């Protein structure tokens, strides 16, 4: 995650306050629930790349012997695998 986790509640509050104050939405649930849901959505979006990186690491464990022998470049393989998954899943990082 590229920003500190502690910023998520502050960002959520600013976003919710902004869209409400501008009249873009009229909340039909309690503000606390709206803030909580917004925090959850932000956290999920901000951790997409972290989860993807972990998935790529797990996939590359299959090739550990070849990587250790020097037959494959881990960094290059990591980036190619990550790019492929991003493209397949239409992710925005």
PDB file of N, CA and C in Angstrom:
ATOM      1  N   UNK A   1       0.858  -1.167   0.000  1.00  0.00           N
ATOM      2  CA  UNK A   1       0.000   0.000   0.000  1.00  0.00           C
ATOM      3  C   UNK A   1       0.902   1.228   0.000  1.00  0.00           C
ATOM      4  N   UNK A   2       0.593   2.143  -0.833  1.00  0.00           N
ATOM      5  CA  UNK A   2       1.462   3.298  -1.041  1.00  0.00           C
ATOM      6  C   UNK A   2       1.238   4.429  -0.042  1.00  0.00           C
ATOM      7  N   UNK A   3       0.139   4.397   0.673  1.00  0.00           N
ATOM      8  CA  UNK A   3      -0.086   5.410   1.705  1.00  0.00           C
ATOM      9  C   UNK A   3      -0.248   4.697   3.038  1.00  0.00           C
ATOM     10  N   UNK A   4       0.026   5.393   4.122  1.00  0.00           N
ATOM     11  CA  UNK A   4      -0.124   4.743   5.430  1.00  0.00           C
ATOM     12  C   UNK A   4      -1.576   4.337   5.694  1.00  0.00           C
ATOM     13  N   UNK A   5      -1.729   3.187   6.303  1.00  0.00           N
ATOM     14  CA  UNK A   5      -3.058   2.665   6.625  1.00  0.00           C
ATOM     15  C   UNK A   5      -3.834   3.630   7.524  1.00  0.00           C
ATOM     16  N   UNK A   6      -3.110   4.370   8.350  1.00  0.00           N
ATOM     17  CA  UNK A   6      -3.763   5.299   9.277  1.00  0.00           C
ATOM     18  C   UNK A   6      -4.445   6.468   8.558  1.00  0.00           C
ATOM     19  N   UNK A   7      -4.110   6.679   7.303  1.00  0.00           N
ATOM     20  CA  UNK A   7      -4.740   7.757   6.539  1.00  0.00           C
ATOM     21  C   UNK A   7      -6.113   7.379   5.996  1.00  0.00           C
ATOM     22  N   UNK A   8      -6.406   6.099   5.919  1.00  0.00           N
ATOM     23  CA  UNK A   8      -7.656   5.638   5.297  1.00  0.00           C
ATOM     24  C   UNK A   8      -8.891   6.246   5.961  1.00  0.00           C
ATOM     25  N   UNK A   9      -9.012   6.215   7.302  1.00  0.00           N
ATOM     26  CA  UNK A   9     -10.206   6.841   7.903  1.00  0.00           C
ATOM     27  C   UNK A   9     -10.309   8.337   7.594  1.00  0.00           C
ATOM     28  N   UNK A  10      -9.179   9.022   7.560  1.00  0.00           N
ATOM     29  CA  UNK A  10      -9.198  10.453   7.254  1.00  0.00           C
ATOM     30  C   UNK A  10      -9.638  10.704   5.815  1.00  0.00           C
ATOM     31  N   UNK A  11      -9.119   9.904   4.901  1.00  0.00           N
ATOM     32  CA  UNK A  11      -9.531  10.033   3.498  1.00  0.00           C
ATOM     33  C   UNK A  11     -11.014   9.729   3.328  1.00  0.00           C
ATOM     34  N   UNK A  12     -11.469   8.675   3.980  1.00  0.00           N
ATOM     35  CA  UNK A  12     -12.885   8.301   3.886  1.00  0.00           C
ATOM     36  C   UNK A  12     -13.774   9.441   4.382  1.00  0.00           C
ATOM     37  N   UNK A  13     -13.405  10.026   5.505  1.00  0.00           N
ATOM     38  CA  UNK A  13     -14.199  11.131   6.062  1.00  0.00           C
ATOM     39  C   UNK A  13     -14.223  12.320   5.111  1.00  0.00           C
ATOM     40  N   UNK A  14     -13.079  12.661   4.554  1.00  0.00           N
ATOM     41  CA  UNK A  14     -13.038  13.790   3.615  1.00  0.00           C
ATOM     42  C   UNK A  14     -13.887  13.526   2.376  1.00  0.00           C
ATOM     43  N   UNK A  15     -13.794  12.322   1.860  1.00  0.00           N
ATOM     44  CA  UNK A  15     -14.571  11.977   0.666  1.00  0.00           C
ATOM     45  C   UNK A  15     -16.063  12.057   0.961  1.00  0.00           C
ATOM     46  N   UNK A  16     -16.477  11.426   2.049  1.00  0.00           N
ATOM     47  CA  UNK A  16     -17.898  11.413   2.407  1.00  0.00           C
ATOM     48  C   UNK A  16     -18.390  12.830   2.681  1.00  0.00           C
ATOM     49  N   UNK A  17     -17.638  13.583   3.474  1.00  0.00           N
ATOM     50  CA  UNK A  17     -18.037  14.965   3.771  1.00  0.00           C
ATOM     51  C   UNK A  17     -18.165  15.796   2.501  1.00  0.00           C
ATOM     52  N   UNK A  18     -17.226  15.619   1.583  1.00  0.00           N
ATOM     53  CA  UNK A  18     -17.239  16.374   0.332  1.00  0.00           C
ATOM     54  C   UNK A  18     -18.461  16.058  -0.525  1.00  0.00           C
ATOM     55  N   UNK A  19     -18.726  14.779  -0.727  1.00  0.00           N
ATOM     56  CA  UNK A  19     -19.854  14.445  -1.614  1.00  0.00           C
ATOM     57  C   UNK A  19     -21.198  14.800  -0.983  1.00  0.00           C
ATOM     58  N   UNK A  20     -21.264  14.755   0.341  1.00  0.00           N
ATOM     59  CA  UNK A  20     -22.513  15.154   1.004  1.00  0.00           C
ATOM     60  C   UNK A  20     -22.678  16.668   0.948  1.00  0.00           C
ATOM     61  N   UNK A  21     -21.605  17.402   1.248  1.00  0.00           N
ATOM     62  CA  UNK A  21     -21.694  18.870   1.275  1.00  0.00           C
ATOM     63  C   UNK A  21     -21.989  19.452  -0.106  1.00  0.00           C
ATOM     64  N   UNK A  22     -21.556  18.773  -1.144  1.00  0.00           N
ATOM     65  CA  UNK A  22     -21.804  19.255  -2.506  1.00  0.00           C
ATOM     66  C   UNK A  22     -23.161  18.793  -3.042  1.00  0.00           C
ATOM     67  N   UNK A  23     -23.865  18.025  -2.237  1.00  0.00           N
ATOM     68  CA  UNK A  23     -25.191  17.569  -2.639  1.00  0.00           C
ATOM     69  C   UNK A  23     -25.170  16.486  -3.697  1.00  0.00           C
ATOM     70  N   UNK A  24     -24.050  15.796  -3.831  1.00  0.00           N
ATOM     71  CA  UNK A  24     -23.949  14.739  -4.837  1.00  0.00           C
ATOM     72  C   UNK A  24     -24.696  13.479  -4.418  1.00  0.00           C
ATOM     73  N   UNK A  25     -24.819  13.284  -3.120  1.00  0.00           N
ATOM     74  CA  UNK A  25     -25.584  12.149  -2.594  1.00  0.00           C
ATOM     75  C   UNK A  25     -26.357  12.607  -1.372  1.00  0.00           C
ATOM     76  N   UNK A  26     -27.421  11.880  -1.113  1.00  0.00           N
ATOM     77  CA  UNK A  26     -28.167  12.104   0.118  1.00  0.00           C
ATOM     78  C   UNK A  26     -28.135  10.777   0.868  1.00  0.00           C
ATOM     79  N   UNK A  27     -27.401  10.723   1.968  1.00  0.00           N
ATOM     80  CA  UNK A  27     -27.244   9.452   2.684  1.00  0.00           C
ATOM     81  C   UNK A  27     -28.577   8.898   3.182  1.00  0.00           C
ATOM     82  N   UNK A  28     -28.740   7.595   3.001  1.00  0.00           N
ATOM     83  CA  UNK A  28     -29.939   6.924   3.504  1.00  0.00           C
ATOM     84  C   UNK A  28     -29.597   5.996   4.672  1.00  0.00           C
ATOM     85  N   UNK A  29     -28.317   5.990   5.054  1.00  0.00           N
ATOM     86  CA  UNK A  29     -27.855   5.201   6.202  1.00  0.00           C
ATOM     87  C   UNK A  29     -27.132   6.145   7.156  1.00  0.00           C
ATOM     88  N   UNK A  30     -26.875   5.663   8.364  1.00  0.00           N
ATOM     89  CA  UNK A  30     -26.163   6.483   9.341  1.00  0.00           C
ATOM     90  C   UNK A  30     -24.765   6.822   8.833  1.00  0.00           C
ATOM     91  N   UNK A  31     -24.305   7.983   9.198  1.00  0.00           N
ATOM     92  CA  UNK A  31     -23.007   8.463   8.762  1.00  0.00           C
ATOM     93  C   UNK A  31     -21.890   7.496   9.154  1.00  0.00           C
ATOM     94  N   UNK A  32     -21.985   6.902  10.334  1.00  0.00           N
ATOM     95  CA  UNK A  32     -20.960   5.961  10.789  1.00  0.00           C
ATOM     96  C   UNK A  32     -20.856   4.764   9.846  1.00  0.00           C
ATOM     97  N   UNK A  33     -21.998   4.244   9.414  1.00  0.00           N
ATOM     98  CA  UNK A  33     -21.999   3.107   8.488  1.00  0.00           C
ATOM     99  C   UNK A  33     -21.430   3.516   7.139  1.00  0.00           C
ATOM    100  N   UNK A  34     -21.794   4.693   6.691  1.00  0.00           N
ATOM    101  CA  UNK A  34     -21.283   5.203   5.420  1.00  0.00           C
ATOM    102  C   UNK A  34     -19.764   5.359   5.471  1.00  0.00           C
ATOM    103  N   UNK A  35     -19.260   5.906   6.563  1.00  0.00           N
ATOM    104  CA  UNK A  35     -17.816   6.060   6.731  1.00  0.00           C
ATOM    105  C   UNK A  35     -17.122   4.706   6.780  1.00  0.00           C
ATOM    106  N   UNK A  36     -17.699   3.775   7.491  1.00  0.00           N
ATOM    107  CA  UNK A  36     -17.124   2.434   7.616  1.00  0.00           C
ATOM    108  C   UNK A  36     -17.045   1.736   6.262  1.00  0.00           C
ATOM    109  N   UNK A  37     -18.114   1.807   5.498  1.00  0.00           N
ATOM    110  CA  UNK A  37     -18.138   1.188   4.166  1.00  0.00           C
ATOM    111  C   UNK A  37     -17.141   1.863   3.232  1.00  0.00           C
ATOM    112  N   UNK A  38     -17.040   3.179   3.325  1.00  0.00           N
ATOM    113  CA  UNK A  38     -16.098   3.911   2.489  1.00  0.00           C
ATOM    114  C   UNK A  38     -14.665   3.528   2.830  1.00  0.00           C
ATOM    115  N   UNK A  39     -14.363   3.411   4.119  1.00  0.00           N
ATOM    116  CA  UNK A  39     -13.032   2.972   4.552  1.00  0.00           C
ATOM    117  C   UNK A  39     -12.710   1.595   3.993  1.00  0.00           C
ATOM    118  N   UNK A  40     -13.681   0.699   4.077  1.00  0.00           N
ATOM    119  CA  UNK A  40     -13.471  -0.668   3.576  1.00  0.00           C
ATOM    120  C   UNK A  40     -13.194  -0.667   2.067  1.00  0.00           C
ATOM    121  N   UNK A  41     -13.965   0.097   1.328  1.00  0.00           N
ATOM    122  CA  UNK A  41     -13.754   0.192  -0.119  1.00  0.00           C
ATOM    123  C   UNK A  41     -12.381   0.771  -0.443  1.00  0.00           C
ATOM    124  N   UNK A  42     -12.004   1.821   0.245  1.00  0.00           N
ATOM    125  CA  UNK A  42     -10.692   2.426   0.011  1.00  0.00           C
ATOM    126  C   UNK A  42      -9.573   1.444   0.330  1.00  0.00           C
ATOM    127  N   UNK A  43      -9.694   0.773   1.446  1.00  0.00           N
ATOM    128  CA  UNK A  43      -8.660  -0.177   1.845  1.00  0.00           C
ATOM    129  C   UNK A  43      -8.530  -1.308   0.831  1.00  0.00           C
ATOM    130  N   UNK A  44      -9.661  -1.802   0.347  1.00  0.00           N
ATOM    131  CA  UNK A  44      -9.623  -2.854  -0.673  1.00  0.00           C
ATOM    132  C   UNK A  44      -8.922  -2.377  -1.940  1.00  0.00           C
ATOM    133  N   UNK A  45      -9.237  -1.168  -2.370  1.00  0.00           N
ATOM    134  CA  UNK A  45      -8.616  -0.633  -3.582  1.00  0.00           C
ATOM    135  C   UNK A  45      -7.130  -0.361  -3.384  1.00  0.00           C
ATOM    136  N   UNK A  46      -6.773   0.132  -2.217  1.00  0.00           N
ATOM    137  CA  UNK A  46      -5.373   0.477  -1.964  1.00  0.00           C
ATOM    138  C   UNK A  46      -4.480  -0.743  -1.761  1.00  0.00           C
ATOM    139  N   UNK A  47      -5.082  -1.885  -1.469  1.00  0.00           N
ATOM    140  CA  UNK A  47      -4.283  -3.089  -1.236  1.00  0.00           C
ATOM    141  C   UNK A  47      -4.321  -4.066  -2.415  1.00  0.00           C
ATOM    142  N   UNK A  48      -4.910  -3.671  -3.514  1.00  0.00           N
ATOM    143  CA  UNK A  48      -4.965  -4.538  -4.691  1.00  0.00           C
ATOM    144  C   UNK A  48      -3.561  -4.955  -5.121  1.00  0.00           C
ATOM    145  N   UNK A  49      -2.659  -4.001  -5.200  1.00  0.00           N
ATOM    146  CA  UNK A  49      -1.301  -4.316  -5.661  1.00  0.00           C
ATOM    147  C   UNK A  49      -0.569  -5.207  -4.655  1.00  0.00           C
ATOM    148  N   UNK A  50      -0.782  -4.975  -3.370  1.00  0.00           N
ATOM    149  CA  UNK A  50      -0.149  -5.824  -2.356  1.00  0.00           C
ATOM    150  C   UNK A  50      -0.606  -7.275  -2.495  1.00  0.00           C
ATOM    151  N   UNK A  51      -1.904  -7.452  -2.684  1.00  0.00           N
ATOM    152  CA  UNK A  51      -2.438  -8.819  -2.839  1.00  0.00           C
ATOM    153  C   UNK A  51      -1.927  -9.460  -4.129  1.00  0.00           C
ATOM    154  N   UNK A  52      -1.848  -8.678  -5.185  1.00  0.00           N
ATOM    155  CA  UNK A  52      -1.331  -9.181  -6.454  1.00  0.00           C
ATOM    156  C   UNK A  52       0.129  -9.600  -6.312  1.00  0.00           C
ATOM    157  N   UNK A  53       0.929  -8.770  -5.665  1.00  0.00           N
ATOM    158  CA  UNK A  53       2.339  -9.110  -5.453  1.00  0.00           C
ATOM    159  C   UNK A  53       2.489 -10.423  -4.690  1.00  0.00           C
ATOM    160  N   UNK A  54       1.670 -10.612  -3.687  1.00  0.00           N
ATOM    161  CA  UNK A  54       1.730 -11.853  -2.908  1.00  0.00           C
ATOM    162  C   UNK A  54       1.338 -13.048  -3.777  1.00  0.00           C
ATOM    163  N   UNK A  55       0.341 -12.872  -4.614  1.00  0.00           N
ATOM    164  CA  UNK A  55      -0.072 -13.949  -5.507  1.00  0.00           C
ATOM    165  C   UNK A  55       1.043 -14.311  -6.493  1.00  0.00           C
ATOM    166  N   UNK A  56       1.717 -13.299  -7.023  1.00  0.00           N
ATOM    167  CA  UNK A  56       2.826 -13.543  -7.956  1.00  0.00           C
ATOM    168  C   UNK A  56       3.951 -14.286  -7.231  1.00  0.00           C
ATOM    169  N   UNK A  57       4.268 -13.886  -6.002  1.00  0.00           N
ATOM    170  CA  UNK A  57       5.309 -14.588  -5.232  1.00  0.00           C
ATOM    171  C   UNK A  57       4.954 -16.059  -5.069  1.00  0.00           C
ATOM    172  N   UNK A  58       3.694 -16.330  -4.767  1.00  0.00           N
ATOM    173  CA  UNK A  58       3.251 -17.721  -4.601  1.00  0.00           C
ATOM    174  C   UNK A  58       3.380 -18.493  -5.915  1.00  0.00           C
ATOM    175  N   UNK A  59       3.002 -17.873  -7.012  1.00  0.00           N
ATOM    176  CA  UNK A  59       3.114 -18.532  -8.319  1.00  0.00           C
ATOM    177  C   UNK A  59       4.570 -18.850  -8.660  1.00  0.00           C
ATOM    178  N   UNK A  60       5.462 -17.935  -8.321  1.00  0.00           N
ATOM    179  CA  UNK A  60       6.871 -18.109  -8.674  1.00  0.00           C
ATOM    180  C   UNK A  60       7.602 -19.099  -7.779  1.00  0.00           C
ATOM    181  N   UNK A  61       6.986 -19.493  -6.683  1.00  0.00           N
ATOM    182  CA  UNK A  61       7.621 -20.497  -5.819  1.00  0.00           C
ATOM    183  C   UNK A  61       7.838 -21.811  -6.573  1.00  0.00           C
ATOM    184  N   UNK A  62       7.002 -22.072  -7.560  1.00  0.00           N
ATOM    185  CA  UNK A  62       7.144 -23.289  -8.371  1.00  0.00           C
ATOM    186  C   UNK A  62       8.467 -23.303  -9.130  1.00  0.00           C
ATOM    187  N   UNK A  63       8.992 -22.119  -9.410  1.00  0.00           N
ATOM    188  CA  UNK A  63      10.199 -22.012 -10.212  1.00  0.00           C
ATOM    189  C   UNK A  63      11.442 -21.715  -9.373  1.00  0.00           C
ATOM    190  N   UNK A  64      11.332 -21.870  -8.067  1.00  0.00           N
ATOM    191  CA  UNK A  64      12.445 -21.563  -7.160  1.00  0.00           C
ATOM    192  C   UNK A  64      13.743 -22.287  -7.527  1.00  0.00           C
ATOM    193  N   UNK A  65      13.699 -23.585  -7.833  1.00  0.00           N
ATOM    194  CA  UNK A  65      14.967 -24.255  -8.175  1.00  0.00           C
ATOM    195  C   UNK A  65      15.660 -23.653  -9.400  1.00  0.00           C
ATOM    196  N   UNK A  66      14.888 -23.338 -10.446  1.00  0.00           N
ATOM    197  CA  UNK A  66      15.476 -22.756 -11.648  1.00  0.00           C
ATOM    198  C   UNK A  66      16.008 -21.355 -11.378  1.00  0.00           C
ATOM    199  N   UNK A  67      15.294 -20.605 -10.545  1.00  0.00           N
ATOM    200  CA  UNK A  67      15.715 -19.251 -10.205  1.00  0.00           C
ATOM    201  C   UNK A  67      17.014 -19.314  -9.407  1.00  0.00           C
ATOM    202  N   UNK A  68      17.082 -20.228  -8.448  1.00  0.00           N
ATOM    203  CA  UNK A  68      18.277 -20.362  -7.615  1.00  0.00           C
ATOM    204  C   UNK A  68      19.494 -20.799  -8.431  1.00  0.00           C
ATOM    205  N   UNK A  69      19.273 -21.623  -9.440  1.00  0.00           N
ATOM    206  CA  UNK A  69      20.370 -22.077 -10.296  1.00  0.00           C
ATOM    207  C   UNK A  69      20.844 -20.979 -11.246  1.00  0.00           C
ATOM    208  N   UNK A  70      20.065 -19.911 -11.325  1.00  0.00           N
ATOM    209  CA  UNK A  70      20.442 -18.811 -12.200  1.00  0.00           C
ATOM    210  C   UNK A  70      19.886 -18.931 -13.599  1.00  0.00           C
ATOM    211  N   UNK A  71      19.013 -19.916 -13.818  1.00  0.00           N
ATOM    212  CA  UNK A  71      18.432 -20.088 -15.148  1.00  0.00           C
ATOM    213  C   UNK A  71      17.348 -19.051 -15.448  1.00  0.00           C
ATOM    214  N   UNK A  72      16.745 -18.508 -14.392  1.00  0.00           N
ATOM    215  CA  UNK A  72      15.692 -17.516 -14.564  1.00  0.00           C
ATOM    216  C   UNK A  72      15.985 -16.296 -13.693  1.00  0.00           C
ATOM    217  N   UNK A  73      15.634 -15.121 -14.181  1.00  0.00           N
ATOM    218  CA  UNK A  73      15.801 -13.879 -13.439  1.00  0.00           C
ATOM    219  C   UNK A  73      14.507 -13.607 -12.670  1.00  0.00           C
ATOM    220  N   UNK A  74      14.580 -13.663 -11.346  1.00  0.00           N
ATOM    221  CA  UNK A  74      13.382 -13.522 -10.509  1.00  0.00           C
ATOM    222  C   UNK A  74      12.678 -12.188 -10.753  1.00  0.00           C
ATOM    223  N   UNK A  75      13.434 -11.100 -10.768  1.00  0.00           N
ATOM    224  CA  UNK A  75      12.806  -9.782 -10.946  1.00  0.00           C
ATOM    225  C   UNK A  75      12.074  -9.671 -12.274  1.00  0.00           C
ATOM    226  N   UNK A  76      12.716 -10.148 -13.307  1.00  0.00           N
ATOM    227  CA  UNK A  76      12.102 -10.086 -14.644  1.00  0.00           C
ATOM    228  C   UNK A  76      10.852 -10.969 -14.696  1.00  0.00           C
ATOM    229  N   UNK A  77      10.975 -12.170 -14.161  1.00  0.00           N
ATOM    230  CA  UNK A  77       9.845 -13.100 -14.130  1.00  0.00           C
ATOM    231  C   UNK A  77       8.699 -12.534 -13.295  1.00  0.00           C
ATOM    232  N   UNK A  78       9.037 -11.899 -12.169  1.00  0.00           N
ATOM    233  CA  UNK A  78       8.028 -11.287 -11.300  1.00  0.00           C
ATOM    234  C   UNK A  78       7.263 -10.206 -12.059  1.00  0.00           C
ATOM    235  N   UNK A  79       8.001  -9.299 -12.705  1.00  0.00           N
ATOM    236  CA  UNK A  79       7.356  -8.209 -13.430  1.00  0.00           C
ATOM    237  C   UNK A  79       6.504  -8.707 -14.594  1.00  0.00           C
ATOM    238  N   UNK A  80       7.009  -9.684 -15.345  1.00  0.00           N
ATOM    239  CA  UNK A  80       6.234 -10.222 -16.469  1.00  0.00           C
ATOM    240  C   UNK A  80       4.956 -10.900 -15.988  1.00  0.00           C
ATOM    241  N   UNK A  81       5.064 -11.652 -14.911  1.00  0.00           N
ATOM    242  CA  UNK A  81       3.891 -12.337 -14.363  1.00  0.00           C
ATOM    243  C   UNK A  81       2.884 -11.323 -13.845  1.00  0.00           C
ATOM    244  N   UNK A  82       3.367 -10.325 -13.158  1.00  0.00           N
ATOM    245  CA  UNK A  82       2.487  -9.292 -12.611  1.00  0.00           C
ATOM    246  C   UNK A  82       1.771  -8.546 -13.741  1.00  0.00           C
ATOM    247  N   UNK A  83       2.521  -8.169 -14.776  1.00  0.00           N
ATOM    248  CA  UNK A  83       1.919  -7.465 -15.913  1.00  0.00           C
ATOM    249  C   UNK A  83       0.848  -8.314 -16.590  1.00  0.00           C
ATOM    250  N   UNK A  84       1.118  -9.606 -16.706  1.00  0.00           N
ATOM    251  CA  UNK A  84       0.150 -10.501 -17.336  1.00  0.00           C
ATOM    252  C   UNK A  84      -1.135 -10.565 -16.525  1.00  0.00           C
ATOM    253  N   UNK A  85      -1.022 -10.699 -15.216  1.00  0.00           N
ATOM    254  CA  UNK A  85      -2.204 -10.762 -14.355  1.00  0.00           C
ATOM    255  C   UNK A  85      -2.967  -9.444 -14.366  1.00  0.00           C
ATOM    256  N   UNK A  86      -2.258  -8.334 -14.363  1.00  0.00           N
ATOM    257  CA  UNK A  86      -2.912  -7.014 -14.421  1.00  0.00           C
ATOM    258  C   UNK A  86      -3.733  -6.899 -15.696  1.00  0.00           C
ATOM    259  N   UNK A  87      -3.139  -7.313 -16.814  1.00  0.00           N
ATOM    260  CA  UNK A  87      -3.824  -7.239 -18.095  1.00  0.00           C
ATOM    261  C   UNK A  87      -5.035  -8.172 -18.135  1.00  0.00           C
ATOM    262  N   UNK A  88      -4.850  -9.412 -17.687  1.00  0.00           N
ATOM    263  CA  UNK A  88      -5.944 -10.396 -17.690  1.00  0.00           C
ATOM    264  C   UNK A  88      -7.119  -9.951 -16.836  1.00  0.00           C
ATOM    265  N   UNK A  89      -6.826  -9.307 -15.728  1.00  0.00           N
ATOM    266  CA  UNK A  89      -7.877  -8.939 -14.767  1.00  0.00           C
ATOM    267  C   UNK A  89      -8.335  -7.493 -14.892  1.00  0.00           C
ATOM    268  N   UNK A  90      -7.778  -6.777 -15.855  1.00  0.00           N
ATOM    269  CA  UNK A  90      -8.123  -5.358 -16.058  1.00  0.00           C
ATOM    270  C   UNK A  90      -7.976  -4.549 -14.776  1.00  0.00           C
ATOM    271  N   UNK A  91      -6.844  -4.756 -14.094  1.00  0.00           N
ATOM    272  CA  UNK A  91      -6.593  -4.036 -12.848  1.00  0.00           C
ATOM    273  C   UNK A  91      -5.962  -2.682 -13.139  1.00  0.00           C
ATOM    274  N   UNK A  92      -6.234  -1.743 -12.268  1.00  0.00           N
ATOM    275  CA  UNK A  92      -5.579  -0.444 -12.342  1.00  0.00           C
ATOM    276  C   UNK A  92      -4.766  -0.301 -11.069  1.00  0.00           C
ATOM    277  N   UNK A  93      -3.465  -0.154 -11.253  1.00  0.00           N
ATOM    278  CA  UNK A  93      -2.577  -0.033 -10.090  1.00  0.00           C
ATOM    279  C   UNK A  93      -2.124   1.385  -9.890  1.00  0.00           C
TER     280      UNK A  93
END
